[in-house]
Amino acid sequence: MTPMKNKPISIGIVGMGQFGVHFVELYQRHPLVQRVALCDIDPNKLAAAAKKFSVSETYASLDEICNSDLDAIAIITQPWLHAAQAIQVMQSGKHAYSAVPIVSPASGNGDETLDWCDRLIDTARRTGQRYMMGETTYYRPETIMCRKRAAEFGNFVFMESEYLHDTWLPACNLIDVQKARTGLSEAEIYAAGFDAPMHYPTHSTAAPISIMHAHAVDVVAFGYCHPGDTLFRADSPLRNPFSHETALFTMSNGAIAQVTESRRNGHVGHEGVVRLIGTEASYERDTTDEYRGRWITKTQSASVEPRDYRDLLPPRLAEDLGGHGGSHAYLADEFVNACAEDRQPTVNAWEAARYVAAGVMAHKSALKNGERLRVPDWGDAP
């Protein structure tokens, strides 16, 4: 059921795992959300979340919640399920939100990802329902600031963005994440290998595409192979030898974007904007403080506080912005507002496909030792 414009909506949240539970209170606090329901196939997780957040309306499966009279459903399940589940939600007459990326197939096949982009966009177009991908980088403070000050850069020349997340990072060990997602043992995970970093590229590709309002046209990319690596290796079932991939994109506005996705590095971790150079001004993040940077022109270099440029949120959402640079509250707010106003959300199906397709083609280029490849594009959202 599509809500009337500017009317309160009802929303269901599918997936009460480690990540999904962080969004329940955000939706409960939103002034335009009149009803929240929870869903999980694990009855214990569902019962625990319902009790913790005092939610009485629960569903035991995606089929059940799709048959409800809810207006919208947020999918925070495993990455390889996102696209199929979002399509099912839209086909049931509801708006759909999913965590990132659109899809990350267990097979690691980039062509399969592009096919899911086709199907997702086709479903959104045919049904008229709204889809939003919850890309956190879009609402990081420096990304918001650069979008708001876009005109001050003059013509965009070059941008660098990255997602540095070592697999064994103490703050978020990706082996442990994979165990939780798949139920596999550590030995089984090593036997299967890890997928290409560029098959989960949205934390880095979102920055240049959203800030410059331009999409990737073609790409040249290279990958790093760590000698003797037992996780990232060409003979694994996923056939991915790269733990680190860097790509150079020609953008539709003529600028060049350098994007890095890294899963083996001696770094505390970072995602999003590194540097943005224009003909009139530039921005560089502060390497010692993720919430500060430098605004640079031809005559001066000044410290800047990106958080000063953040959009206002409903007071109760602003109490706790959530993780990933305080982006969670902004994601929830944008999805609710888009549904209530019956408009395309910021990271809609067409925009999300651009983030994902850029990574798919970058990995294909890296496998071909830097061959220049075209990046498919589905156009702008109607």
Protein backbone atom coordinates (compact mmCIF):
# COMPACT_ATOMS: atom_id res chain seq x y z
CA MET A 1 0.00 0.00 0.00
CA THR A 2 1.52 3.32 -1.08
CA PRO A 3 1.04 6.03 1.55
CA MET A 4 -0.61 9.37 0.80
CA LYS A 5 1.78 12.27 0.45
CA ASN A 6 3.08 13.72 3.73
CA LYS A 7 1.02 11.25 5.75
CA PRO A 8 2.51 9.11 8.55
CA ILE A 9 3.63 5.67 7.39
CA SER A 10 3.93 2.18 8.81
CA ILE A 11 7.18 0.28 8.38
CA GLY A 12 8.47 -3.24 8.95
CA ILE A 13 12.10 -4.14 9.59
CA VAL A 14 13.32 -7.51 8.32
CA GLY A 15 16.43 -8.90 10.01
CA MET A 16 17.01 -8.68 13.75
CA GLY A 17 20.69 -9.52 13.60
CA GLN A 18 23.64 -7.47 14.83
CA PHE A 19 23.03 -4.65 12.35
CA GLY A 20 19.27 -4.60 11.97
CA VAL A 21 18.51 -3.94 15.63
CA HIS A 22 20.36 -0.60 15.42
CA PHE A 23 17.58 0.82 13.22
CA VAL A 24 14.51 -0.11 15.24
CA GLU A 25 14.62 2.86 17.61
CA LEU A 26 15.45 5.24 14.76
CA TYR A 27 12.20 4.37 13.03
CA GLN A 28 10.29 4.39 16.31
CA ARG A 29 11.49 7.93 17.01
CA HIS A 30 10.58 9.33 13.60
CA PRO A 31 7.56 11.66 13.77
CA LEU A 32 6.18 10.35 10.46
CA VAL A 33 6.25 6.68 11.52
CA GLN A 34 3.02 5.65 13.21
CA ARG A 35 3.66 1.91 13.43
CA VAL A 36 6.73 -0.37 13.47
CA ALA A 37 6.75 -4.13 12.93
CA LEU A 38 9.63 -6.61 13.20
CA CYS A 39 10.46 -9.74 11.21
CA ASP A 40 13.02 -12.53 11.44
CA ILE A 41 13.05 -16.22 10.60
CA ASP A 42 14.86 -16.91 13.88
CA PRO A 43 12.13 -16.95 16.57
CA ASN A 44 14.61 -16.30 19.36
CA LYS A 45 16.08 -13.19 17.73
CA LEU A 46 12.60 -11.96 16.88
CA ALA A 47 11.29 -12.45 20.41
CA ALA A 48 14.33 -10.78 21.97
CA ALA A 49 14.07 -7.73 19.70
CA ALA A 50 10.30 -7.43 20.19
CA LYS A 51 10.78 -7.45 23.96
CA LYS A 52 13.71 -5.03 23.92
CA PHE A 53 11.92 -2.45 21.78
CA SER A 54 8.37 -3.10 23.04
CA VAL A 55 7.06 -4.05 19.60
CA SER A 56 3.93 -6.21 19.54
CA GLU A 57 3.59 -6.68 15.76
CA THR A 58 5.95 -9.41 14.54
CA TYR A 59 6.26 -11.65 11.48
CA ALA A 60 8.09 -14.95 11.08
CA SER A 61 8.99 -14.64 7.37
CA LEU A 62 9.33 -12.23 4.48
CA ASP A 63 6.25 -13.78 2.87
CA GLU A 64 4.21 -13.02 5.99
CA ILE A 65 5.28 -9.41 6.29
CA CYS A 66 4.79 -8.83 2.56
CA ASN A 67 1.17 -9.93 3.01
CA SER A 68 0.60 -7.30 5.70
CA ASP A 69 -0.85 -3.81 5.21
CA LEU A 70 2.44 -2.05 6.02
CA ASP A 71 3.49 0.81 3.75
CA ALA A 72 7.21 0.07 3.62
CA ILE A 73 9.75 -2.58 4.56
CA ALA A 74 13.43 -2.15 5.47
CA ILE A 75 15.56 -5.20 4.59
CA ILE A 76 18.64 -5.62 6.77
CA THR A 77 19.51 -9.21 5.97
CA GLN A 78 22.47 -10.93 4.32
CA PRO A 79 23.99 -9.14 1.29
CA TRP A 80 23.22 -11.92 -1.20
CA LEU A 81 19.49 -11.67 -0.32
CA HIS A 82 18.97 -7.93 -0.70
CA ALA A 83 17.97 -7.64 -4.36
CA ALA A 84 15.56 -10.59 -4.46
CA GLN A 85 13.93 -9.53 -1.21
CA ALA A 86 13.60 -5.89 -2.27
CA ILE A 87 11.98 -7.01 -5.52
CA GLN A 88 9.51 -9.18 -3.58
CA VAL A 89 8.68 -6.25 -1.30
CA MET A 90 8.01 -3.89 -4.22
CA GLN A 91 5.95 -6.52 -6.02
CA SER A 92 3.80 -6.79 -2.89
CA GLY A 93 2.94 -3.09 -3.18
CA LYS A 94 5.36 -1.71 -0.60
CA HIS A 95 8.33 0.61 -0.68
CA ALA A 96 11.66 -1.12 -0.04
CA TYR A 97 14.88 -0.19 1.71
CA SER A 98 17.90 -2.47 1.85
CA ALA A 99 21.26 -2.36 3.52
CA VAL A 100 24.27 -2.25 1.19
CA PRO A 101 25.03 -3.36 -1.40
CA ILE A 102 22.15 -4.02 -3.83
CA VAL A 103 23.45 -7.56 -3.85
CA SER A 104 26.67 -9.45 -3.22
CA PRO A 105 26.05 -12.90 -4.70
CA ALA A 106 27.62 -15.85 -2.92
CA SER A 107 29.06 -16.89 -6.30
CA GLY A 108 31.08 -13.69 -6.61
CA ASN A 109 29.88 -13.33 -10.20
CA GLY A 110 29.87 -9.71 -11.33
CA ASP A 111 27.55 -10.45 -14.26
CA GLU A 112 24.98 -11.75 -11.79
CA THR A 113 25.19 -8.45 -9.90
CA LEU A 114 24.55 -6.45 -13.07
CA ASP A 115 21.57 -8.69 -13.85
CA TRP A 116 20.11 -7.98 -10.40
CA CYS A 117 20.54 -4.25 -11.04
CA ASP A 118 18.49 -4.67 -14.23
CA ARG A 119 15.77 -6.56 -12.40
CA LEU A 120 15.62 -4.19 -9.45
CA ILE A 121 15.33 -1.09 -11.65
CA ASP A 122 12.73 -2.77 -13.85
CA THR A 123 10.65 -3.66 -10.79
CA ALA A 124 10.87 -0.14 -9.37
CA ARG A 125 9.81 1.29 -12.73
CA ARG A 126 6.93 -1.14 -13.29
CA THR A 127 5.49 -1.06 -9.77
CA GLY A 128 6.02 2.62 -9.03
CA GLN A 129 7.29 1.68 -5.59
CA ARG A 130 10.35 3.39 -4.12
CA TYR A 131 13.62 1.59 -3.44
CA MET A 132 16.45 3.00 -1.35
CA MET A 133 19.87 1.50 -0.66
CA GLY A 134 21.25 2.44 2.76
CA GLU A 135 24.68 3.68 1.72
CA THR A 136 26.33 5.23 4.75
CA THR A 137 28.98 7.25 2.89
CA TYR A 138 26.22 9.31 1.26
CA TYR A 139 25.40 10.77 4.67
CA ARG A 140 28.85 11.07 6.18
CA PRO A 141 29.45 14.71 7.16
CA GLU A 142 32.24 15.38 4.65
CA THR A 143 30.14 13.98 1.78
CA ILE A 144 27.19 16.19 2.74
CA MET A 145 29.48 19.22 3.01
CA CYS A 146 31.09 18.67 -0.38
CA ARG A 147 27.68 18.27 -2.03
CA LYS A 148 26.43 21.48 -0.45
CA ARG A 149 29.54 23.40 -1.51
CA ALA A 150 29.79 21.76 -4.94
CA ALA A 151 29.51 25.04 -6.86
CA GLU A 152 32.51 26.46 -4.98
CA PHE A 153 34.83 23.82 -6.46
CA GLY A 154 34.40 25.28 -9.95
CA ASN A 155 34.80 22.41 -12.39
CA PHE A 156 35.58 19.09 -10.76
CA VAL A 157 39.00 17.78 -11.79
CA PHE A 158 39.93 14.83 -9.58
CA MET A 159 38.52 12.98 -6.62
CA GLU A 160 39.93 10.26 -4.41
CA SER A 161 37.81 8.07 -2.14
CA GLU A 162 38.46 4.83 -0.33
CA TYR A 163 37.24 2.11 1.96
CA LEU A 164 40.07 0.73 4.07
CA HIS A 165 38.86 -2.17 6.20
CA ASP A 166 41.44 -4.79 7.03
CA THR A 167 39.91 -8.26 7.25
CA TRP A 168 41.34 -8.75 10.72
CA LEU A 169 40.61 -5.22 12.01
CA PRO A 170 40.07 -5.57 15.79
CA ALA A 171 37.11 -3.17 15.78
CA CYS A 172 35.29 -5.23 13.13
CA ASN A 173 36.87 -8.54 12.16
CA LEU A 174 35.44 -9.58 8.79
CA ILE A 175 36.07 -13.26 9.47
CA ASP A 176 33.77 -12.98 12.48
CA VAL A 177 31.23 -11.06 10.39
CA GLN A 178 31.29 -13.83 7.79
CA LYS A 179 30.82 -16.48 10.48
CA ALA A 180 27.74 -14.67 11.74
CA ARG A 181 26.34 -14.19 8.25
CA THR A 182 26.89 -17.69 6.92
CA GLY A 183 27.15 -19.99 9.92
CA LEU A 184 30.40 -21.36 8.45
CA SER A 185 33.41 -22.21 10.55
CA GLU A 186 36.66 -20.28 10.13
CA ALA A 187 38.18 -23.24 8.30
CA GLU A 188 35.22 -23.34 5.89
CA ILE A 189 35.53 -19.60 5.26
CA TYR A 190 39.21 -19.96 4.40
CA ALA A 191 38.40 -22.88 2.11
CA ALA A 192 35.81 -20.80 0.25
CA GLY A 193 38.00 -17.69 0.02
CA PHE A 194 36.87 -14.07 0.08
CA ASP A 195 35.14 -12.19 -2.70
CA ALA A 196 36.70 -9.24 -4.53
CA PRO A 197 36.79 -5.97 -2.54
CA MET A 198 35.26 -4.19 -5.55
CA HIS A 199 32.18 -6.43 -5.35
CA TYR A 200 31.28 -4.50 -2.18
CA PRO A 201 32.33 -1.02 -3.38
CA THR A 202 29.59 1.32 -2.26
CA HIS A 203 31.40 2.92 0.71
CA SER A 204 33.95 4.34 -1.73
CA THR A 205 32.08 4.71 -5.05
CA ALA A 206 29.20 6.63 -3.42
CA ALA A 207 31.38 9.66 -2.73
CA PRO A 208 32.43 10.73 -6.26
CA ILE A 209 29.14 9.74 -7.86
CA SER A 210 26.94 11.57 -5.36
CA ILE A 211 29.09 14.65 -4.82
CA MET A 212 29.83 15.33 -8.50
CA HIS A 213 26.38 14.18 -9.70
CA ALA A 214 28.22 12.18 -12.33
CA HIS A 215 28.47 8.48 -13.13
CA ALA A 216 31.42 6.34 -14.12
CA VAL A 217 31.86 5.99 -17.88
CA ASP A 218 34.88 3.70 -18.08
CA VAL A 219 37.50 2.23 -15.77
CA VAL A 220 41.07 0.99 -15.52
CA ALA A 221 41.86 -0.99 -12.37
CA PHE A 222 44.58 -3.08 -10.76
CA GLY A 223 44.64 -5.48 -7.85
CA TYR A 224 47.17 -6.46 -5.21
CA CYS A 225 48.02 -10.11 -4.55
CA HIS A 226 49.66 -10.80 -1.19
CA PRO A 227 52.25 -13.57 -1.52
CA GLY A 228 51.04 -16.80 0.04
CA ASP A 229 47.63 -15.39 0.98
CA THR A 230 45.32 -18.21 2.08
CA LEU A 231 42.10 -16.16 1.99
CA PHE A 232 42.36 -14.04 -1.16
CA ARG A 233 43.53 -16.51 -3.80
CA ALA A 234 42.76 -17.36 -7.40
CA ASP A 235 42.24 -21.08 -6.72
CA SER A 236 39.42 -20.55 -4.21
CA PRO A 237 35.79 -21.20 -5.24
CA LEU A 238 35.35 -17.43 -5.61
CA ARG A 239 38.50 -17.26 -7.79
CA ASN A 240 39.50 -13.87 -6.39
CA PRO A 241 43.23 -13.19 -5.90
CA PHE A 242 42.89 -9.56 -4.80
CA SER A 243 42.76 -8.23 -1.23
CA HIS A 244 43.19 -4.66 -2.49
CA GLU A 245 41.88 -3.02 -5.66
CA THR A 246 42.38 0.51 -6.95
CA ALA A 247 40.49 1.91 -9.93
CA LEU A 248 40.66 5.04 -12.05
CA PHE A 249 37.31 6.09 -13.51
CA THR A 250 36.54 8.60 -16.22
CA MET A 251 33.37 10.30 -15.02
CA SER A 252 30.50 11.61 -17.12
CA ASN A 253 31.45 15.19 -16.20
CA GLY A 254 35.00 14.72 -17.51
CA ALA A 255 36.60 14.42 -14.07
CA ILE A 256 38.80 11.54 -12.93
CA ALA A 257 37.94 9.54 -9.82
CA GLN A 258 40.34 7.22 -7.99
CA VAL A 259 38.62 4.62 -5.85
CA THR A 260 40.29 2.13 -3.52
CA GLU A 261 38.76 -0.87 -1.78
CA SER A 262 41.18 -2.61 0.57
CA ARG A 263 40.83 -5.63 2.86
CA ARG A 264 44.48 -6.14 3.82
CA ASN A 265 46.14 -3.05 5.27
CA GLY A 266 47.80 -1.68 8.37
CA HIS A 267 45.20 1.00 8.99
CA VAL A 268 42.62 1.74 11.67
CA GLY A 269 40.02 1.99 8.90
CA HIS A 270 38.42 4.72 6.82
CA GLU A 271 35.62 5.16 4.33
CA GLY A 272 34.60 7.94 1.97
CA VAL A 273 36.22 11.15 0.79
CA VAL A 274 39.99 11.54 0.86
CA ARG A 275 40.55 14.45 -1.52
CA LEU A 276 38.51 16.46 -4.00
CA ILE A 277 40.16 18.90 -6.38
CA GLY A 278 38.34 21.51 -8.41
CA THR A 279 39.48 24.38 -10.62
CA GLU A 280 38.58 26.92 -7.89
CA ALA A 281 38.78 25.05 -4.58
CA SER A 282 39.73 21.71 -3.04
CA TYR A 283 38.96 19.67 0.05
CA GLU A 284 41.18 17.22 1.93
CA ARG A 285 40.20 15.22 4.97
CA ASP A 286 42.26 15.47 8.14
CA THR A 287 44.15 12.21 8.52
CA THR A 288 44.15 12.57 12.32
CA ASP A 289 40.47 13.44 12.81
CA GLU A 290 37.75 12.02 10.56
CA TYR A 291 35.43 14.89 11.51
CA ARG A 292 37.77 17.66 10.36
CA GLY A 293 39.33 18.59 7.06
CA ARG A 294 40.87 21.44 5.10
CA TRP A 295 39.16 23.71 2.60
CA ILE A 296 41.80 24.94 0.18
CA THR A 297 41.74 27.69 -2.44
CA LYS A 298 44.44 29.43 -4.49
CA THR A 299 45.03 31.90 -1.66
CA GLN A 300 44.45 30.01 1.58
CA SER A 301 44.10 26.72 3.42
CA ALA A 302 41.66 26.70 6.32
CA SER A 303 40.41 24.08 8.76
CA VAL A 304 36.78 23.13 8.21
CA GLU A 305 34.26 21.21 10.33
CA PRO A 306 32.07 19.08 8.00
CA ARG A 307 29.52 18.39 10.74
CA ASP A 308 28.51 22.07 10.56
CA TYR A 309 26.93 21.33 7.17
CA ARG A 310 24.73 18.46 8.22
CA ASP A 311 21.02 18.71 7.59
CA LEU A 312 18.63 19.11 10.49
CA LEU A 313 16.91 15.99 11.74
CA PRO A 314 13.74 15.55 13.77
CA PRO A 315 14.83 16.18 17.39
CA ARG A 316 14.39 12.63 18.63
CA LEU A 317 16.44 11.19 15.74
CA ALA A 318 19.20 13.68 16.44
CA GLU A 319 19.60 12.25 19.94
CA ASP A 320 21.65 9.34 18.55
CA LEU A 321 22.86 9.44 14.94
CA GLY A 322 24.12 5.85 14.99
CA GLY A 323 27.26 4.40 13.44
CA HIS A 324 29.24 4.86 10.22
CA GLY A 325 30.07 8.50 10.84
CA GLY A 326 26.65 9.23 12.30
CA SER A 327 24.87 8.32 9.07
CA HIS A 328 22.25 5.86 10.33
CA ALA A 329 19.73 8.45 11.49
CA TYR A 330 20.00 10.27 8.15
CA LEU A 331 19.35 7.05 6.24
CA ALA A 332 16.24 6.30 8.27
CA ASP A 333 15.00 9.87 7.96
CA GLU A 334 15.45 9.99 4.19
CA PHE A 335 13.66 6.70 3.58
CA VAL A 336 10.70 7.67 5.74
CA ASN A 337 10.42 11.12 4.16
CA ALA A 338 10.65 9.70 0.62
CA CYS A 339 7.86 7.23 1.38
CA ALA A 340 5.67 9.82 3.10
CA GLU A 341 6.17 12.32 0.26
CA ASP A 342 5.93 9.63 -2.45
CA ARG A 343 9.16 10.68 -4.16
CA GLN A 344 12.39 9.02 -5.19
CA PRO A 345 14.86 8.73 -2.29
CA THR A 346 18.39 10.04 -2.67
CA VAL A 347 20.03 6.63 -3.14
CA ASN A 348 17.28 5.22 -5.34
CA ALA A 349 17.53 2.12 -7.55
CA TRP A 350 19.18 3.99 -10.44
CA GLU A 351 21.71 5.73 -8.19
CA ALA A 352 22.47 2.55 -6.25
CA ALA A 353 23.12 0.62 -9.47
CA ARG A 354 25.77 3.19 -10.41
CA TYR A 355 27.62 2.58 -7.14
CA VAL A 356 27.57 -1.20 -7.63
CA ALA A 357 28.26 -1.38 -11.38
CA ALA A 358 31.38 0.75 -11.04
CA GLY A 359 32.87 -1.86 -8.70
CA VAL A 360 31.86 -4.80 -10.86
CA MET A 361 33.62 -3.36 -13.90
CA ALA A 362 36.66 -2.32 -11.84
CA HIS A 363 37.16 -5.93 -10.74
CA LYS A 364 36.77 -7.15 -14.31
CA SER A 365 39.44 -4.66 -15.37
CA ALA A 366 41.79 -5.74 -12.57
CA LEU A 367 41.43 -9.39 -13.65
CA LYS A 368 42.47 -8.27 -17.13
CA ASN A 369 45.52 -6.41 -15.80
CA GLY A 370 44.09 -2.95 -16.26
CA GLU A 371 42.17 -3.29 -19.50
CA ARG A 372 39.96 -0.24 -20.07
CA LEU A 373 36.30 -1.21 -19.80
CA ARG A 374 32.99 0.60 -20.19
CA VAL A 375 30.73 0.90 -17.13
CA PRO A 376 27.02 0.23 -17.81
CA ASP A 377 24.52 2.88 -16.77
CA TRP A 378 20.74 2.85 -16.38
CA GLY A 379 20.21 6.61 -16.52
CA ASP A 380 18.64 8.85 -13.91
CA ALA A 381 15.60 7.98 -11.82
CA PRO A 382 12.32 9.14 -13.40
